[in-house]
Amino acid sequence: MTKNLEEASIEILQQRLLEEVDAQQRLQDELKNALENERDLRLENDLLWVYLQHKQPARVSDAKALLSRLVDGSELANELQQTGGATNRKNRTLKQKVRGGLGKLPGVHRAYHGLKNIGK
């Protein structure tokens, strides 16, 4: 009986192995196609740059400057976004800290609006 179980489990493992090999082959084919498409797009892009540089060299230099400004701007935006949230919370003034602390106390919201409405 254990021999039959061993044979069944070996067959199941072999089937799973074959499925994994097929999946790996499909993924390799997809990767190969994606890399070929990327290479074709790069070649086409290089060809267009050469053509544009031949026809209108001023536009190529403008495009390169614009591209570098966009890349620099995105890097700066990412840096500011990463550090902005943490430093804004840490560098709060004493007045901001006190207001935040008082606002969390129970009944402060109701008392504030009651005093505000008395003045009207």
PDB file of N, CA and C in Angstrom:
ATOM      1  N   MET A   1       0.814  -1.189   0.000  1.00  0.00           N
ATOM      2  CA  MET A   1       0.000   0.000   0.000  1.00  0.00           C
ATOM      3  C   MET A   1       0.860   1.256   0.000  1.00  0.00           C
ATOM      4  N   THR A   2       1.913   1.250   0.805  1.00  0.00           N
ATOM      5  CA  THR A   2       2.809   2.405   0.830  1.00  0.00           C
ATOM      6  C   THR A   2       3.515   2.565  -0.509  1.00  0.00           C
ATOM      7  N   LYS A   3       3.728   1.447  -1.191  1.00  0.00           N
ATOM      8  CA  LYS A   3       4.368   1.509  -2.498  1.00  0.00           C
ATOM      9  C   LYS A   3       3.476   2.246  -3.488  1.00  0.00           C
ATOM     10  N   ASN A   4       2.162   1.988  -3.430  1.00  0.00           N
ATOM     11  CA  ASN A   4       1.205   2.686  -4.298  1.00  0.00           C
ATOM     12  C   ASN A   4       1.167   4.182  -3.981  1.00  0.00           C
ATOM     13  N   LEU A   5       1.229   4.531  -2.700  1.00  0.00           N
ATOM     14  CA  LEU A   5       1.244   5.938  -2.310  1.00  0.00           C
ATOM     15  C   LEU A   5       2.506   6.631  -2.801  1.00  0.00           C
ATOM     16  N   GLU A   6       3.625   5.945  -2.700  1.00  0.00           N
ATOM     17  CA  GLU A   6       4.879   6.519  -3.168  1.00  0.00           C
ATOM     18  C   GLU A   6       4.836   6.746  -4.674  1.00  0.00           C
ATOM     19  N   GLU A   7       4.299   5.787  -5.406  1.00  0.00           N
ATOM     20  CA  GLU A   7       4.191   5.930  -6.854  1.00  0.00           C
ATOM     21  C   GLU A   7       3.252   7.078  -7.223  1.00  0.00           C
ATOM     22  N   ALA A   8       2.135   7.208  -6.498  1.00  0.00           N
ATOM     23  CA  ALA A   8       1.188   8.290  -6.774  1.00  0.00           C
ATOM     24  C   ALA A   8       1.816   9.646  -6.464  1.00  0.00           C
ATOM     25  N   SER A   9       2.523   9.731  -5.348  1.00  0.00           N
ATOM     26  CA  SER A   9       3.136  11.012  -4.997  1.00  0.00           C
ATOM     27  C   SER A   9       4.264  11.360  -5.971  1.00  0.00           C
ATOM     28  N   ILE A  10       4.989  10.354  -6.449  1.00  0.00           N
ATOM     29  CA  ILE A  10       6.032  10.603  -7.447  1.00  0.00           C
ATOM     30  C   ILE A  10       5.413  11.101  -8.747  1.00  0.00           C
ATOM     31  N   GLU A  11       4.284  10.510  -9.151  1.00  0.00           N
ATOM     32  CA  GLU A  11       3.610  10.956 -10.369  1.00  0.00           C
ATOM     33  C   GLU A  11       3.110  12.390 -10.219  1.00  0.00           C
ATOM     34  N   ILE A  12       2.555  12.721  -9.063  1.00  0.00           N
ATOM     35  CA  ILE A  12       2.073  14.088  -8.818  1.00  0.00           C
ATOM     36  C   ILE A  12       3.234  15.074  -8.859  1.00  0.00           C
ATOM     37  N   LEU A  13       4.350  14.689  -8.238  1.00  0.00           N
ATOM     38  CA  LEU A  13       5.528  15.564  -8.254  1.00  0.00           C
ATOM     39  C   LEU A  13       6.069  15.748  -9.669  1.00  0.00           C
ATOM     40  N   GLN A  14       6.050  14.679 -10.465  1.00  0.00           N
ATOM     41  CA  GLN A  14       6.503  14.781 -11.849  1.00  0.00           C
ATOM     42  C   GLN A  14       5.593  15.701 -12.655  1.00  0.00           C
ATOM     43  N   GLN A  15       4.278  15.598 -12.436  1.00  0.00           N
ATOM     44  CA  GLN A  15       3.342  16.480 -13.135  1.00  0.00           C
ATOM     45  C   GLN A  15       3.571  17.933 -12.748  1.00  0.00           C
ATOM     46  N   ARG A  16       3.765  18.182 -11.473  1.00  0.00           N
ATOM     47  CA  ARG A  16       4.025  19.555 -11.020  1.00  0.00           C
ATOM     48  C   ARG A  16       5.325  20.082 -11.604  1.00  0.00           C
ATOM     49  N   LEU A  17       6.328  19.231 -11.664  1.00  0.00           N
ATOM     50  CA  LEU A  17       7.607  19.633 -12.238  1.00  0.00           C
ATOM     51  C   LEU A  17       7.443  19.993 -13.712  1.00  0.00           C
ATOM     52  N   LEU A  18       6.680  19.184 -14.451  1.00  0.00           N
ATOM     53  CA  LEU A  18       6.440  19.476 -15.861  1.00  0.00           C
ATOM     54  C   LEU A  18       5.674  20.796 -16.034  1.00  0.00           C
ATOM     55  N   GLU A  19       4.693  21.027 -15.162  1.00  0.00           N
ATOM     56  CA  GLU A  19       3.948  22.288 -15.220  1.00  0.00           C
ATOM     57  C   GLU A  19       4.861  23.478 -14.940  1.00  0.00           C
ATOM     58  N   GLU A  20       5.742  23.329 -13.964  1.00  0.00           N
ATOM     59  CA  GLU A  20       6.673  24.407 -13.628  1.00  0.00           C
ATOM     60  C   GLU A  20       7.650  24.669 -14.782  1.00  0.00           C
ATOM     61  N   VAL A  21       8.108  23.610 -15.410  1.00  0.00           N
ATOM     62  CA  VAL A  21       9.028  23.761 -16.548  1.00  0.00           C
ATOM     63  C   VAL A  21       8.320  24.471 -17.699  1.00  0.00           C
ATOM     64  N   ASP A  22       7.066  24.092 -17.966  1.00  0.00           N
ATOM     65  CA  ASP A  22       6.295  24.764 -19.020  1.00  0.00           C
ATOM     66  C   ASP A  22       6.086  26.235 -18.693  1.00  0.00           C
ATOM     67  N   ALA A  23       5.759  26.531 -17.448  1.00  0.00           N
ATOM     68  CA  ALA A  23       5.548  27.926 -17.041  1.00  0.00           C
ATOM     69  C   ALA A  23       6.846  28.710 -17.165  1.00  0.00           C
ATOM     70  N   GLN A  24       7.961  28.107 -16.779  1.00  0.00           N
ATOM     71  CA  GLN A  24       9.248  28.778 -16.893  1.00  0.00           C
ATOM     72  C   GLN A  24       9.588  29.034 -18.363  1.00  0.00           C
ATOM     73  N   GLN A  25       9.295  28.105 -19.229  1.00  0.00           N
ATOM     74  CA  GLN A  25       9.560  28.281 -20.651  1.00  0.00           C
ATOM     75  C   GLN A  25       8.713  29.420 -21.226  1.00  0.00           C
ATOM     76  N   ARG A  26       7.433  29.474 -20.835  1.00  0.00           N
ATOM     77  CA  ARG A  26       6.564  30.562 -21.293  1.00  0.00           C
ATOM     78  C   ARG A  26       7.088  31.921 -20.825  1.00  0.00           C
ATOM     79  N   LEU A  27       7.532  31.986 -19.562  1.00  0.00           N
ATOM     80  CA  LEU A  27       8.069  33.233 -19.031  1.00  0.00           C
ATOM     81  C   LEU A  27       9.350  33.643 -19.760  1.00  0.00           C
ATOM     82  N   GLN A  28      10.185  32.667 -20.076  1.00  0.00           N
ATOM     83  CA  GLN A  28      11.408  32.977 -20.816  1.00  0.00           C
ATOM     84  C   GLN A  28      11.078  33.496 -22.212  1.00  0.00           C
ATOM     85  N   ASP A  29      10.076  32.903 -22.859  1.00  0.00           N
ATOM     86  CA  ASP A  29       9.670  33.377 -24.180  1.00  0.00           C
ATOM     87  C   ASP A  29       9.110  34.797 -24.106  1.00  0.00           C
ATOM     88  N   GLU A  30       8.290  35.074 -23.081  1.00  0.00           N
ATOM     89  CA  GLU A  30       7.741  36.420 -22.912  1.00  0.00           C
ATOM     90  C   GLU A  30       8.847  37.434 -22.661  1.00  0.00           C
ATOM     91  N   LEU A  31       9.827  37.060 -21.835  1.00  0.00           N
ATOM     92  CA  LEU A  31      10.954  37.945 -21.559  1.00  0.00           C
ATOM     93  C   LEU A  31      11.753  38.214 -22.825  1.00  0.00           C
ATOM     94  N   LYS A  32      11.971  37.174 -23.613  1.00  0.00           N
ATOM     95  CA  LYS A  32      12.718  37.321 -24.863  1.00  0.00           C
ATOM     96  C   LYS A  32      11.983  38.269 -25.811  1.00  0.00           C
ATOM     97  N   ASN A  33      10.669  38.106 -25.931  1.00  0.00           N
ATOM     98  CA  ASN A  33       9.884  38.995 -26.794  1.00  0.00           C
ATOM     99  C   ASN A  33       9.910  40.429 -26.285  1.00  0.00           C
ATOM    100  N   ALA A  34       9.797  40.605 -24.969  1.00  0.00           N
ATOM    101  CA  ALA A  34       9.812  41.950 -24.393  1.00  0.00           C
ATOM    102  C   ALA A  34      11.162  42.624 -24.634  1.00  0.00           C
ATOM    103  N   LEU A  35      12.250  41.879 -24.472  1.00  0.00           N
ATOM    104  CA  LEU A  35      13.580  42.444 -24.705  1.00  0.00           C
ATOM    105  C   LEU A  35      13.791  42.796 -26.176  1.00  0.00           C
ATOM    106  N   GLU A  36      13.282  41.965 -27.063  1.00  0.00           N
ATOM    107  CA  GLU A  36      13.385  42.274 -28.496  1.00  0.00           C
ATOM    108  C   GLU A  36      12.592  43.529 -28.836  1.00  0.00           C
ATOM    109  N   ASN A  37      11.383  43.649 -28.273  1.00  0.00           N
ATOM    110  CA  ASN A  37      10.582  44.844 -28.521  1.00  0.00           C
ATOM    111  C   ASN A  37      11.255  46.095 -27.967  1.00  0.00           C
ATOM    112  N   GLU A  38      11.844  45.978 -26.796  1.00  0.00           N
ATOM    113  CA  GLU A  38      12.544  47.124 -26.212  1.00  0.00           C
ATOM    114  C   GLU A  38      13.741  47.522 -27.070  1.00  0.00           C
ATOM    115  N   ARG A  39      14.468  46.540 -27.557  1.00  0.00           N
ATOM    116  CA  ARG A  39      15.622  46.834 -28.415  1.00  0.00           C
ATOM    117  C   ARG A  39      15.171  47.524 -29.693  1.00  0.00           C
ATOM    118  N   ASP A  40      14.076  47.044 -30.286  1.00  0.00           N
ATOM    119  CA  ASP A  40      13.553  47.670 -31.498  1.00  0.00           C
ATOM    120  C   ASP A  40      13.129  49.115 -31.242  1.00  0.00           C
ATOM    121  N   LEU A  41      12.491  49.348 -30.102  1.00  0.00           N
ATOM    122  CA  LEU A  41      12.076  50.712 -29.764  1.00  0.00           C
ATOM    123  C   LEU A  41      13.275  51.619 -29.543  1.00  0.00           C
ATOM    124  N   ARG A  42      14.323  51.092 -28.903  1.00  0.00           N
ATOM    125  CA  ARG A  42      15.534  51.897 -28.705  1.00  0.00           C
ATOM    126  C   ARG A  42      16.183  52.253 -30.040  1.00  0.00           C
ATOM    127  N   LEU A  43      16.255  51.273 -30.942  1.00  0.00           N
ATOM    128  CA  LEU A  43      16.834  51.543 -32.251  1.00  0.00           C
ATOM    129  C   LEU A  43      16.016  52.573 -33.019  1.00  0.00           C
ATOM    130  N   GLU A  44      14.703  52.451 -32.946  1.00  0.00           N
ATOM    131  CA  GLU A  44      13.829  53.412 -33.608  1.00  0.00           C
ATOM    132  C   GLU A  44      14.000  54.805 -33.006  1.00  0.00           C
ATOM    133  N   ASN A  45      14.109  54.872 -31.690  1.00  0.00           N
ATOM    134  CA  ASN A  45      14.307  56.146 -31.024  1.00  0.00           C
ATOM    135  C   ASN A  45      15.638  56.777 -31.428  1.00  0.00           C
ATOM    136  N   ASP A  46      16.698  55.965 -31.461  1.00  0.00           N
ATOM    137  CA  ASP A  46      17.999  56.483 -31.889  1.00  0.00           C
ATOM    138  C   ASP A  46      17.956  56.982 -33.325  1.00  0.00           C
ATOM    139  N   LEU A  47      17.266  56.253 -34.184  1.00  0.00           N
ATOM    140  CA  LEU A  47      17.135  56.664 -35.577  1.00  0.00           C
ATOM    141  C   LEU A  47      16.396  58.000 -35.690  1.00  0.00           C
ATOM    142  N   LEU A  48      15.342  58.150 -34.911  1.00  0.00           N
ATOM    143  CA  LEU A  48      14.595  59.413 -34.923  1.00  0.00           C
ATOM    144  C   LEU A  48      15.439  60.570 -34.402  1.00  0.00           C
ATOM    145  N   TRP A  49      16.250  60.312 -33.360  1.00  0.00           N
ATOM    146  CA  TRP A  49      17.126  61.361 -32.851  1.00  0.00           C
ATOM    147  C   TRP A  49      18.137  61.793 -33.910  1.00  0.00           C
ATOM    148  N   VAL A  50      18.726  60.829 -34.609  1.00  0.00           N
ATOM    149  CA  VAL A  50      19.707  61.153 -35.652  1.00  0.00           C
ATOM    150  C   VAL A  50      19.040  61.951 -36.769  1.00  0.00           C
ATOM    151  N   TYR A  51      17.848  61.534 -37.175  1.00  0.00           N
ATOM    152  CA  TYR A  51      17.129  62.245 -38.231  1.00  0.00           C
ATOM    153  C   TYR A  51      16.807  63.676 -37.798  1.00  0.00           C
ATOM    154  N   LEU A  52      16.330  63.827 -36.573  1.00  0.00           N
ATOM    155  CA  LEU A  52      15.991  65.161 -36.080  1.00  0.00           C
ATOM    156  C   LEU A  52      17.234  66.025 -35.937  1.00  0.00           C
ATOM    157  N   GLN A  53      18.329  65.420 -35.498  1.00  0.00           N
ATOM    158  CA  GLN A  53      19.565  66.174 -35.362  1.00  0.00           C
ATOM    159  C   GLN A  53      20.077  66.626 -36.727  1.00  0.00           C
ATOM    160  N   HIS A  54      19.871  65.823 -37.738  1.00  0.00           N
ATOM    161  CA  HIS A  54      20.295  66.191 -39.083  1.00  0.00           C
ATOM    162  C   HIS A  54      19.430  67.314 -39.643  1.00  0.00           C
ATOM    163  N   LYS A  55      18.124  67.225 -39.434  1.00  0.00           N
ATOM    164  CA  LYS A  55      17.199  68.215 -39.997  1.00  0.00           C
ATOM    165  C   LYS A  55      17.173  69.507 -39.185  1.00  0.00           C
ATOM    166  N   GLN A  56      17.056  69.383 -37.845  1.00  0.00           N
ATOM    167  CA  GLN A  56      16.951  70.582 -37.010  1.00  0.00           C
ATOM    168  C   GLN A  56      17.765  70.384 -35.728  1.00  0.00           C
ATOM    169  N   PRO A  57      19.058  70.703 -35.781  1.00  0.00           N
ATOM    170  CA  PRO A  57      19.923  70.456 -34.618  1.00  0.00           C
ATOM    171  C   PRO A  57      19.558  71.300 -33.397  1.00  0.00           C
ATOM    172  N   ALA A  58      18.981  72.470 -33.596  1.00  0.00           N
ATOM    173  CA  ALA A  58      18.607  73.316 -32.460  1.00  0.00           C
ATOM    174  C   ALA A  58      17.525  72.648 -31.618  1.00  0.00           C
ATOM    175  N   ARG A  59      16.603  71.983 -32.280  1.00  0.00           N
ATOM    176  CA  ARG A  59      15.535  71.307 -31.539  1.00  0.00           C
ATOM    177  C   ARG A  59      16.060  70.136 -30.719  1.00  0.00           C
ATOM    178  N   VAL A  60      17.095  69.482 -31.225  1.00  0.00           N
ATOM    179  CA  VAL A  60      17.679  68.362 -30.485  1.00  0.00           C
ATOM    180  C   VAL A  60      18.314  68.869 -29.199  1.00  0.00           C
ATOM    181  N   SER A  61      19.049  69.968 -29.286  1.00  0.00           N
ATOM    182  CA  SER A  61      19.668  70.503 -28.068  1.00  0.00           C
ATOM    183  C   SER A  61      18.598  70.995 -27.098  1.00  0.00           C
ATOM    184  N   ASP A  62      17.517  71.594 -27.619  1.00  0.00           N
ATOM    185  CA  ASP A  62      16.414  72.012 -26.753  1.00  0.00           C
ATOM    186  C   ASP A  62      15.757  70.805 -26.093  1.00  0.00           C
ATOM    187  N   ALA A  63      15.583  69.740 -26.850  1.00  0.00           N
ATOM    188  CA  ALA A  63      14.953  68.534 -26.304  1.00  0.00           C
ATOM    189  C   ALA A  63      15.841  67.893 -25.240  1.00  0.00           C
ATOM    190  N   LYS A  64      17.158  67.880 -25.471  1.00  0.00           N
ATOM    191  CA  LYS A  64      18.067  67.318 -24.479  1.00  0.00           C
ATOM    192  C   LYS A  64      18.043  68.142 -23.193  1.00  0.00           C
ATOM    193  N   ALA A  65      18.017  69.464 -23.336  1.00  0.00           N
ATOM    194  CA  ALA A  65      17.965  70.328 -22.155  1.00  0.00           C
ATOM    195  C   ALA A  65      16.655  70.117 -21.396  1.00  0.00           C
ATOM    196  N   LEU A  66      15.566  70.009 -22.142  1.00  0.00           N
ATOM    197  CA  LEU A  66      14.264  69.789 -21.513  1.00  0.00           C
ATOM    198  C   LEU A  66      14.222  68.439 -20.802  1.00  0.00           C
ATOM    199  N   LEU A  67      14.773  67.422 -21.444  1.00  0.00           N
ATOM    200  CA  LEU A  67      14.812  66.094 -20.821  1.00  0.00           C
ATOM    201  C   LEU A  67      15.626  66.115 -19.535  1.00  0.00           C
ATOM    202  N   SER A  68      16.771  66.771 -19.553  1.00  0.00           N
ATOM    203  CA  SER A  68      17.588  66.824 -18.334  1.00  0.00           C
ATOM    204  C   SER A  68      16.877  67.610 -17.238  1.00  0.00           C
ATOM    205  N   ARG A  69      16.168  68.688 -17.607  1.00  0.00           N
ATOM    206  CA  ARG A  69      15.408  69.450 -16.602  1.00  0.00           C
ATOM    207  C   ARG A  69      14.280  68.614 -16.019  1.00  0.00           C
ATOM    208  N   LEU A  70      13.612  67.833 -16.863  1.00  0.00           N
ATOM    209  CA  LEU A  70      12.529  66.986 -16.367  1.00  0.00           C
ATOM    210  C   LEU A  70      13.056  65.912 -15.421  1.00  0.00           C
ATOM    211  N   VAL A  71      14.175  65.300 -15.786  1.00  0.00           N
ATOM    212  CA  VAL A  71      14.755  64.253 -14.943  1.00  0.00           C
ATOM    213  C   VAL A  71      15.212  64.850 -13.616  1.00  0.00           C
ATOM    214  N   ASP A  72      15.890  66.010 -13.671  1.00  0.00           N
ATOM    215  CA  ASP A  72      16.334  66.659 -12.438  1.00  0.00           C
ATOM    216  C   ASP A  72      15.148  67.045 -11.571  1.00  0.00           C
ATOM    217  N   GLY A  73      14.084  67.544 -12.205  1.00  0.00           N
ATOM    218  CA  GLY A  73      12.891  67.933 -11.454  1.00  0.00           C
ATOM    219  C   GLY A  73      12.218  66.748 -10.801  1.00  0.00           C
ATOM    220  N   SER A  74      12.168  65.633 -11.502  1.00  0.00           N
ATOM    221  CA  SER A  74      11.523  64.451 -10.908  1.00  0.00           C
ATOM    222  C   SER A  74      12.351  63.910  -9.754  1.00  0.00           C
ATOM    223  N   GLU A  75      13.670  63.954  -9.884  1.00  0.00           N
ATOM    224  CA  GLU A  75      14.516  63.498  -8.783  1.00  0.00           C
ATOM    225  C   GLU A  75      14.356  64.407  -7.569  1.00  0.00           C
ATOM    226  N   LEU A  76      14.279  65.715  -7.812  1.00  0.00           N
ATOM    227  CA  LEU A  76      14.085  66.654  -6.717  1.00  0.00           C
ATOM    228  C   LEU A  76      12.728  66.446  -6.062  1.00  0.00           C
ATOM    229  N   ALA A  77      11.693  66.245  -6.874  1.00  0.00           N
ATOM    230  CA  ALA A  77      10.349  66.018  -6.335  1.00  0.00           C
ATOM    231  C   ALA A  77      10.316  64.748  -5.497  1.00  0.00           C
ATOM    232  N   ASN A  78      10.970  63.689  -5.961  1.00  0.00           N
ATOM    233  CA  ASN A  78      11.011  62.439  -5.184  1.00  0.00           C
ATOM    234  C   ASN A  78      11.736  62.640  -3.865  1.00  0.00           C
ATOM    235  N   GLU A  79      12.831  63.389  -3.893  1.00  0.00           N
ATOM    236  CA  GLU A  79      13.591  63.639  -2.668  1.00  0.00           C
ATOM    237  C   GLU A  79      12.763  64.453  -1.685  1.00  0.00           C
ATOM    238  N   LEU A  80      12.091  65.477  -2.179  1.00  0.00           N
ATOM    239  CA  LEU A  80      11.263  66.304  -1.302  1.00  0.00           C
ATOM    240  C   LEU A  80      10.081  65.518  -0.761  1.00  0.00           C
ATOM    241  N   GLN A  81       9.510  64.667  -1.578  1.00  0.00           N
ATOM    242  CA  GLN A  81       8.364  63.878  -1.144  1.00  0.00           C
ATOM    243  C   GLN A  81       8.770  62.883  -0.071  1.00  0.00           C
ATOM    244  N   GLN A  82       9.941  62.300  -0.201  1.00  0.00           N
ATOM    245  CA  GLN A  82      10.391  61.316   0.779  1.00  0.00           C
ATOM    246  C   GLN A  82      10.701  61.962   2.116  1.00  0.00           C
ATOM    247  N   THR A  83      11.340  63.130   2.100  1.00  0.00           N
ATOM    248  CA  THR A  83      11.744  63.753   3.353  1.00  0.00           C
ATOM    249  C   THR A  83      10.729  64.760   3.863  1.00  0.00           C
ATOM    250  N   GLY A  84       9.808  65.212   3.040  1.00  0.00           N
ATOM    251  CA  GLY A  84       8.881  66.278   3.420  1.00  0.00           C
ATOM    252  C   GLY A  84       7.962  65.915   4.548  1.00  0.00           C
ATOM    253  N   GLY A  85       7.365  64.746   4.523  1.00  0.00           N
ATOM    254  CA  GLY A  85       6.396  64.373   5.543  1.00  0.00           C
ATOM    255  C   GLY A  85       7.020  64.240   6.913  1.00  0.00           C
ATOM    256  N   ALA A  86       8.198  63.673   6.990  1.00  0.00           N
ATOM    257  CA  ALA A  86       8.825  63.443   8.281  1.00  0.00           C
ATOM    258  C   ALA A  86       9.332  64.751   8.887  1.00  0.00           C
ATOM    259  N   THR A  87       9.932  65.638   8.094  1.00  0.00           N
ATOM    260  CA  THR A  87      10.491  66.866   8.647  1.00  0.00           C
ATOM    261  C   THR A  87       9.399  67.844   9.032  1.00  0.00           C
ATOM    262  N   ASN A  88       8.289  67.884   8.305  1.00  0.00           N
ATOM    263  CA  ASN A  88       7.207  68.796   8.665  1.00  0.00           C
ATOM    264  C   ASN A  88       6.639  68.431  10.031  1.00  0.00           C
ATOM    265  N   ARG A  89       6.547  67.183  10.350  1.00  0.00           N
ATOM    266  CA  ARG A  89       5.997  66.739  11.630  1.00  0.00           C
ATOM    267  C   ARG A  89       7.000  67.001  12.746  1.00  0.00           C
ATOM    268  N   LYS A  90       8.277  66.833  12.478  1.00  0.00           N
ATOM    269  CA  LYS A  90       9.298  66.995  13.506  1.00  0.00           C
ATOM    270  C   LYS A  90       9.569  68.465  13.823  1.00  0.00           C
ATOM    271  N   ASN A  91       9.488  69.341  12.842  1.00  0.00           N
ATOM    272  CA  ASN A  91       9.873  70.732  13.017  1.00  0.00           C
ATOM    273  C   ASN A  91       8.688  71.641  13.328  1.00  0.00           C
ATOM    274  N   ARG A  92       7.711  71.154  14.062  1.00  0.00           N
ATOM    275  CA  ARG A  92       6.566  71.980  14.422  1.00  0.00           C
ATOM    276  C   ARG A  92       6.964  72.960  15.512  1.00  0.00           C
ATOM    277  N   THR A  93       6.377  74.140  15.478  1.00  0.00           N
ATOM    278  CA  THR A  93       6.672  75.134  16.498  1.00  0.00           C
ATOM    279  C   THR A  93       5.965  74.763  17.795  1.00  0.00           C
ATOM    280  N   LEU A  94       6.358  75.447  18.875  1.00  0.00           N
ATOM    281  CA  LEU A  94       5.747  75.190  20.172  1.00  0.00           C
ATOM    282  C   LEU A  94       4.259  75.520  20.138  1.00  0.00           C
ATOM    283  N   LYS A  95       3.915  76.586  19.450  1.00  0.00           N
ATOM    284  CA  LYS A  95       2.510  76.987  19.339  1.00  0.00           C
ATOM    285  C   LYS A  95       1.690  75.895  18.647  1.00  0.00           C
ATOM    286  N   GLN A  96       2.239  75.332  17.584  1.00  0.00           N
ATOM    287  CA  GLN A  96       1.537  74.265  16.871  1.00  0.00           C
ATOM    288  C   GLN A  96       1.397  73.024  17.745  1.00  0.00           C
ATOM    289  N   LYS A  97       2.439  72.720  18.522  1.00  0.00           N
ATOM    290  CA  LYS A  97       2.381  71.551  19.398  1.00  0.00           C
ATOM    291  C   LYS A  97       1.328  71.726  20.487  1.00  0.00           C
ATOM    292  N   VAL A  98       1.271  72.938  21.058  1.00  0.00           N
ATOM    293  CA  VAL A  98       0.294  73.198  22.118  1.00  0.00           C
ATOM    294  C   VAL A  98      -1.117  73.123  21.575  1.00  0.00           C
ATOM    295  N   ARG A  99      -1.352  73.739  20.426  1.00  0.00           N
ATOM    296  CA  ARG A  99      -2.689  73.687  19.823  1.00  0.00           C
ATOM    297  C   ARG A  99      -3.101  72.253  19.503  1.00  0.00           C
ATOM    298  N   GLY A 100      -2.183  71.493  19.001  1.00  0.00           N
ATOM    299  CA  GLY A 100      -2.489  70.100  18.691  1.00  0.00           C
ATOM    300  C   GLY A 100      -2.802  69.299  19.938  1.00  0.00           C
ATOM    301  N   GLY A 101      -2.034  69.548  21.002  1.00  0.00           N
ATOM    302  CA  GLY A 101      -2.276  68.838  22.261  1.00  0.00           C
ATOM    303  C   GLY A 101      -3.592  69.230  22.899  1.00  0.00           C
ATOM    304  N   LEU A 102      -3.910  70.528  22.887  1.00  0.00           N
ATOM    305  CA  LEU A 102      -5.173  70.986  23.469  1.00  0.00           C
ATOM    306  C   LEU A 102      -6.370  70.486  22.662  1.00  0.00           C
ATOM    307  N   GLY A 103      -6.219  70.439  21.383  1.00  0.00           N
ATOM    308  CA  GLY A 103      -7.331  70.005  20.540  1.00  0.00           C
ATOM    309  C   GLY A 103      -7.717  68.558  20.771  1.00  0.00           C
ATOM    310  N   LYS A 104      -6.816  67.787  21.329  1.00  0.00           N
ATOM    311  CA  LYS A 104      -7.105  66.365  21.569  1.00  0.00           C
ATOM    312  C   LYS A 104      -7.780  66.118  22.911  1.00  0.00           C
ATOM    313  N   LEU A 105      -7.784  67.132  23.776  1.00  0.00           N
ATOM    314  CA  LEU A 105      -8.417  66.955  25.084  1.00  0.00           C
ATOM    315  C   LEU A 105      -9.932  66.873  24.931  1.00  0.00           C
ATOM    316  N   PRO A 106     -10.605  66.071  25.781  1.00  0.00           N
ATOM    317  CA  PRO A 106     -12.063  65.944  25.665  1.00  0.00           C
ATOM    318  C   PRO A 106     -12.761  67.230  26.095  1.00  0.00           C
ATOM    319  N   GLY A 107     -13.758  67.641  25.340  1.00  0.00           N
ATOM    320  CA  GLY A 107     -14.564  68.816  25.658  1.00  0.00           C
ATOM    321  C   GLY A 107     -14.024  70.119  25.113  1.00  0.00           C
ATOM    322  N   VAL A 108     -12.800  70.132  24.610  1.00  0.00           N
ATOM    323  CA  VAL A 108     -12.205  71.371  24.121  1.00  0.00           C
ATOM    324  C   VAL A 108     -12.945  71.855  22.875  1.00  0.00           C
ATOM    325  N   HIS A 109     -13.302  70.960  22.023  1.00  0.00           N
ATOM    326  CA  HIS A 109     -13.990  71.334  20.788  1.00  0.00           C
ATOM    327  C   HIS A 109     -15.316  72.025  21.115  1.00  0.00           C
ATOM    328  N   ARG A 110     -16.091  71.455  22.013  1.00  0.00           N
ATOM    329  CA  ARG A 110     -17.396  72.017  22.387  1.00  0.00           C
ATOM    330  C   ARG A 110     -17.213  73.366  23.084  1.00  0.00           C
ATOM    331  N   ALA A 111     -16.240  73.464  23.986  1.00  0.00           N
ATOM    332  CA  ALA A 111     -16.004  74.723  24.703  1.00  0.00           C
ATOM    333  C   ALA A 111     -15.561  75.822  23.739  1.00  0.00           C
ATOM    334  N   TYR A 112     -14.681  75.501  22.810  1.00  0.00           N
ATOM    335  CA  TYR A 112     -14.207  76.488  21.847  1.00  0.00           C
ATOM    336  C   TYR A 112     -15.358  77.050  21.036  1.00  0.00           C
ATOM    337  N   HIS A 113     -16.205  76.180  20.508  1.00  0.00           N
ATOM    338  CA  HIS A 113     -17.311  76.650  19.694  1.00  0.00           C
ATOM    339  C   HIS A 113     -18.366  77.376  20.537  1.00  0.00           C
ATOM    340  N   GLY A 114     -18.528  76.980  21.805  1.00  0.00           N
ATOM    341  CA  GLY A 114     -19.453  77.705  22.697  1.00  0.00           C
ATOM    342  C   GLY A 114     -18.968  79.118  22.933  1.00  0.00           C
ATOM    343  N   LEU A 115     -17.657  79.292  23.206  1.00  0.00           N
ATOM    344  CA  LEU A 115     -17.094  80.635  23.394  1.00  0.00           C
ATOM    345  C   LEU A 115     -17.164  81.451  22.112  1.00  0.00           C
ATOM    346  N   LYS A 116     -16.933  80.801  21.018  1.00  0.00           N
ATOM    347  CA  LYS A 116     -16.980  81.508  19.738  1.00  0.00           C
ATOM    348  C   LYS A 116     -18.381  82.019  19.446  1.00  0.00           C
ATOM    349  N   ASN A 117     -19.396  81.217  19.748  1.00  0.00           N
ATOM    350  CA  ASN A 117     -20.785  81.603  19.472  1.00  0.00           C
ATOM    351  C   ASN A 117     -21.286  82.666  20.449  1.00  0.00           C
ATOM    352  N   ILE A 118     -20.726  82.744  21.664  1.00  0.00           N
ATOM    353  CA  ILE A 118     -21.113  83.788  22.621  1.00  0.00           C
ATOM    354  C   ILE A 118     -20.707  85.151  22.078  1.00  0.00           C
ATOM    355  N   GLY A 119     -19.568  85.201  21.433  1.00  0.00           N
ATOM    356  CA  GLY A 119     -19.078  86.480  20.907  1.00  0.00           C
ATOM    357  C   GLY A 119     -19.909  87.001  19.754  1.00  0.00           C
ATOM    358  N   LYS A 120     -20.726  86.199  19.153  1.00  0.00           N
ATOM    359  CA  LYS A 120     -21.501  86.644  17.980  1.00  0.00           C
ATOM    360  C   LYS A 120     -22.700  87.388  18.367  1.00  0.00           C
TER     361      LYS A 120
END
